[in-house]
Amino acid sequence: MATPVLILLLLTVIQFGLYLHACHVAQSAAAQGLSAARVSGGTAESGSTETRRALDLLGGGVLGGTTITSTRTAADVSVAITGTAVQVVPFLALTVHAEAHGPVEVFRGGG
């Protein structure tokens, strides 16, 4: 009787470890996208493309069903990622959300 409970407990610990890893992957990918979008001449599209590339490199197995939203105004850039961590425990789908915000880089000549 105790064996199924111990297995469920072990799977739950593994599930939350994978969730935390997926959160870190999403945050790292959002930061990469922010870096691409905030440079002088960058666009929201370049931020989304770089975010997708980073997700493909970092989180191919732990983060699925991702949506990327990248916006750029004259002063600010924002990249948001929403997805689902890989599911180990049945009926326990954990949503991952990460955002990165920053100012647009502007070159100001000295003098």
C-alpha atoms as a PDB file:
ATOM      1  CA  MET A   1       0.000   0.000   0.000  1.00  0.00           C
ATOM      2  CA  ALA A   2       2.857   2.413   0.737  1.00  0.00           C
ATOM      3  CA  THR A   3       4.620   1.724  -2.572  1.00  0.00           C
ATOM      4  CA  PRO A   4       2.124   3.585  -4.825  1.00  0.00           C
ATOM      5  CA  VAL A   5       2.193   6.580  -2.480  1.00  0.00           C
ATOM      6  CA  LEU A   6       5.991   6.649  -2.520  1.00  0.00           C
ATOM      7  CA  ILE A   7       6.046   6.413  -6.319  1.00  0.00           C
ATOM      8  CA  LEU A   8       3.547   9.272  -6.581  1.00  0.00           C
ATOM      9  CA  LEU A   9       5.617  11.338  -4.156  1.00  0.00           C
ATOM     10  CA  LEU A  10       8.774  10.675  -6.174  1.00  0.00           C
ATOM     11  CA  LEU A  11       7.039  11.595  -9.438  1.00  0.00           C
ATOM     12  CA  THR A  12       5.718  14.800  -7.860  1.00  0.00           C
ATOM     13  CA  VAL A  13       9.237  15.821  -6.811  1.00  0.00           C
ATOM     14  CA  ILE A  14      10.497  15.107 -10.337  1.00  0.00           C
ATOM     15  CA  GLN A  15       7.558  17.077 -11.790  1.00  0.00           C
ATOM     16  CA  PHE A  16       8.370  20.184  -9.780  1.00  0.00           C
ATOM     17  CA  GLY A  17      12.065  19.886 -10.653  1.00  0.00           C
ATOM     18  CA  LEU A  18      11.138  19.839 -14.337  1.00  0.00           C
ATOM     19  CA  TYR A  19       8.783  22.786 -13.770  1.00  0.00           C
ATOM     20  CA  LEU A  20      11.572  24.860 -12.215  1.00  0.00           C
ATOM     21  CA  HIS A  21      13.908  23.928 -15.057  1.00  0.00           C
ATOM     22  CA  ALA A  22      11.258  24.967 -17.604  1.00  0.00           C
ATOM     23  CA  CYS A  23      10.870  28.317 -15.778  1.00  0.00           C
ATOM     24  CA  HIS A  24      14.619  28.937 -16.047  1.00  0.00           C
ATOM     25  CA  VAL A  25      14.641  27.979 -19.739  1.00  0.00           C
ATOM     26  CA  ALA A  26      11.746  30.357 -20.443  1.00  0.00           C
ATOM     27  CA  GLN A  27      13.380  33.219 -18.541  1.00  0.00           C
ATOM     28  CA  SER A  28      16.680  32.709 -20.334  1.00  0.00           C
ATOM     29  CA  ALA A  29      14.993  32.628 -23.753  1.00  0.00           C
ATOM     30  CA  ALA A  30      13.022  35.791 -22.927  1.00  0.00           C
ATOM     31  CA  ALA A  31      16.254  37.547 -21.935  1.00  0.00           C
ATOM     32  CA  GLN A  32      17.871  36.489 -25.243  1.00  0.00           C
ATOM     33  CA  GLY A  33      14.891  37.858 -27.159  1.00  0.00           C
ATOM     34  CA  LEU A  34      15.011  41.095 -25.205  1.00  0.00           C
ATOM     35  CA  SER A  35      18.685  41.533 -26.067  1.00  0.00           C
ATOM     36  CA  ALA A  36      17.939  41.080 -29.774  1.00  0.00           C
ATOM     37  CA  ALA A  37      14.956  43.435 -29.799  1.00  0.00           C
ATOM     38  CA  ARG A  38      16.358  46.292 -27.743  1.00  0.00           C
ATOM     39  CA  VAL A  39      19.475  47.039 -29.795  1.00  0.00           C
ATOM     40  CA  SER A  40      19.518  50.018 -32.127  1.00  0.00           C
ATOM     41  CA  GLY A  41      17.776  48.871 -35.281  1.00  0.00           C
ATOM     42  CA  GLY A  42      16.167  45.873 -33.566  1.00  0.00           C
ATOM     43  CA  THR A  43      12.515  44.970 -34.026  1.00  0.00           C
ATOM     44  CA  ALA A  44       9.844  43.055 -32.156  1.00  0.00           C
ATOM     45  CA  GLU A  45      10.102  40.434 -34.905  1.00  0.00           C
ATOM     46  CA  SER A  46      13.836  39.963 -34.297  1.00  0.00           C
ATOM     47  CA  GLY A  47      13.093  39.559 -30.598  1.00  0.00           C
ATOM     48  CA  SER A  48      10.509  36.861 -31.295  1.00  0.00           C
ATOM     49  CA  THR A  49      12.829  35.077 -33.708  1.00  0.00           C
ATOM     50  CA  GLU A  50      15.723  35.062 -31.239  1.00  0.00           C
ATOM     51  CA  THR A  51      13.417  33.910 -28.442  1.00  0.00           C
ATOM     52  CA  ARG A  52      12.187  30.997 -30.578  1.00  0.00           C
ATOM     53  CA  ARG A  53      15.777  30.078 -31.479  1.00  0.00           C
ATOM     54  CA  ALA A  54      16.819  30.126 -27.824  1.00  0.00           C
ATOM     55  CA  LEU A  55      13.823  27.987 -26.844  1.00  0.00           C
ATOM     56  CA  ASP A  56      14.691  25.455 -29.535  1.00  0.00           C
ATOM     57  CA  LEU A  57      18.276  25.269 -28.280  1.00  0.00           C
ATOM     58  CA  LEU A  58      17.549  25.229 -24.548  1.00  0.00           C
ATOM     59  CA  GLY A  59      14.124  23.797 -23.906  1.00  0.00           C
ATOM     60  CA  GLY A  60      13.164  21.390 -26.620  1.00  0.00           C
ATOM     61  CA  GLY A  61      12.089  18.714 -24.165  1.00  0.00           C
ATOM     62  CA  VAL A  62      10.919  20.509 -21.029  1.00  0.00           C
ATOM     63  CA  LEU A  63       8.737  23.302 -22.380  1.00  0.00           C
ATOM     64  CA  GLY A  64       5.931  22.763 -24.859  1.00  0.00           C
ATOM     65  CA  GLY A  65       2.993  24.648 -26.342  1.00  0.00           C
ATOM     66  CA  THR A  66       4.851  27.932 -26.175  1.00  0.00           C
ATOM     67  CA  THR A  67       3.544  31.281 -27.304  1.00  0.00           C
ATOM     68  CA  ILE A  68       5.853  34.261 -27.651  1.00  0.00           C
ATOM     69  CA  THR A  69       4.736  37.873 -27.495  1.00  0.00           C
ATOM     70  CA  SER A  70       7.258  40.570 -28.326  1.00  0.00           C
ATOM     71  CA  THR A  71       6.476  44.279 -28.342  1.00  0.00           C
ATOM     72  CA  ARG A  72       8.682  47.289 -28.981  1.00  0.00           C
ATOM     73  CA  THR A  73       7.784  50.937 -28.568  1.00  0.00           C
ATOM     74  CA  ALA A  74       9.993  53.986 -28.995  1.00  0.00           C
ATOM     75  CA  ALA A  75      11.208  53.639 -25.405  1.00  0.00           C
ATOM     76  CA  ASP A  76      10.567  50.085 -24.148  1.00  0.00           C
ATOM     77  CA  VAL A  77      10.835  46.460 -25.226  1.00  0.00           C
ATOM     78  CA  SER A  78       8.956  43.513 -23.755  1.00  0.00           C
ATOM     79  CA  VAL A  79       9.186  39.779 -24.470  1.00  0.00           C
ATOM     80  CA  ALA A  80       6.789  37.287 -22.853  1.00  0.00           C
ATOM     81  CA  ILE A  81       6.720  33.492 -23.086  1.00  0.00           C
ATOM     82  CA  THR A  82       3.915  31.203 -21.966  1.00  0.00           C
ATOM     83  CA  GLY A  83       4.056  27.427 -22.190  1.00  0.00           C
ATOM     84  CA  THR A  84       3.518  24.177 -20.359  1.00  0.00           C
ATOM     85  CA  ALA A  85       6.152  22.182 -18.497  1.00  0.00           C
ATOM     86  CA  VAL A  86       6.558  18.562 -19.507  1.00  0.00           C
ATOM     87  CA  GLN A  87       4.028  16.415 -17.642  1.00  0.00           C
ATOM     88  CA  VAL A  88       5.204  13.482 -15.500  1.00  0.00           C
ATOM     89  CA  VAL A  89       2.343  13.273 -13.000  1.00  0.00           C
ATOM     90  CA  PRO A  90      -0.998  12.605 -14.702  1.00  0.00           C
ATOM     91  CA  PHE A  91      -3.520  15.465 -14.526  1.00  0.00           C
ATOM     92  CA  LEU A  92      -0.894  17.937 -13.286  1.00  0.00           C
ATOM     93  CA  ALA A  93      -0.248  20.413 -16.103  1.00  0.00           C
ATOM     94  CA  LEU A  94       1.874  23.322 -14.894  1.00  0.00           C
ATOM     95  CA  THR A  95       1.905  26.569 -16.864  1.00  0.00           C
ATOM     96  CA  VAL A  96       5.181  28.444 -17.228  1.00  0.00           C
ATOM     97  CA  HIS A  97       5.270  32.205 -17.815  1.00  0.00           C
ATOM     98  CA  ALA A  98       8.351  34.400 -18.152  1.00  0.00           C
ATOM     99  CA  GLU A  99       8.770  38.046 -19.101  1.00  0.00           C
ATOM    100  CA  ALA A 100      11.693  40.311 -19.820  1.00  0.00           C
ATOM    101  CA  HIS A 101      11.401  44.119 -20.044  1.00  0.00           C
ATOM    102  CA  GLY A 102      13.927  46.790 -20.806  1.00  0.00           C
ATOM    103  CA  PRO A 103      14.551  50.153 -22.437  1.00  0.00           C
ATOM    104  CA  VAL A 104      15.427  50.510 -26.100  1.00  0.00           C
ATOM    105  CA  GLU A 105      19.123  51.182 -26.543  1.00  0.00           C
ATOM    106  CA  VAL A 106      19.745  54.645 -27.942  1.00  0.00           C
ATOM    107  CA  PHE A 107      23.064  55.947 -29.217  1.00  0.00           C
ATOM    108  CA  ARG A 108      23.821  59.450 -28.042  1.00  0.00           C
ATOM    109  CA  GLY A 109      26.921  61.063 -29.471  1.00  0.00           C
ATOM    110  CA  GLY A 110      29.275  62.713 -27.043  1.00  0.00           C
ATOM    111  CA  GLY A 111      29.748  66.404 -27.211  1.00  0.00           C
END
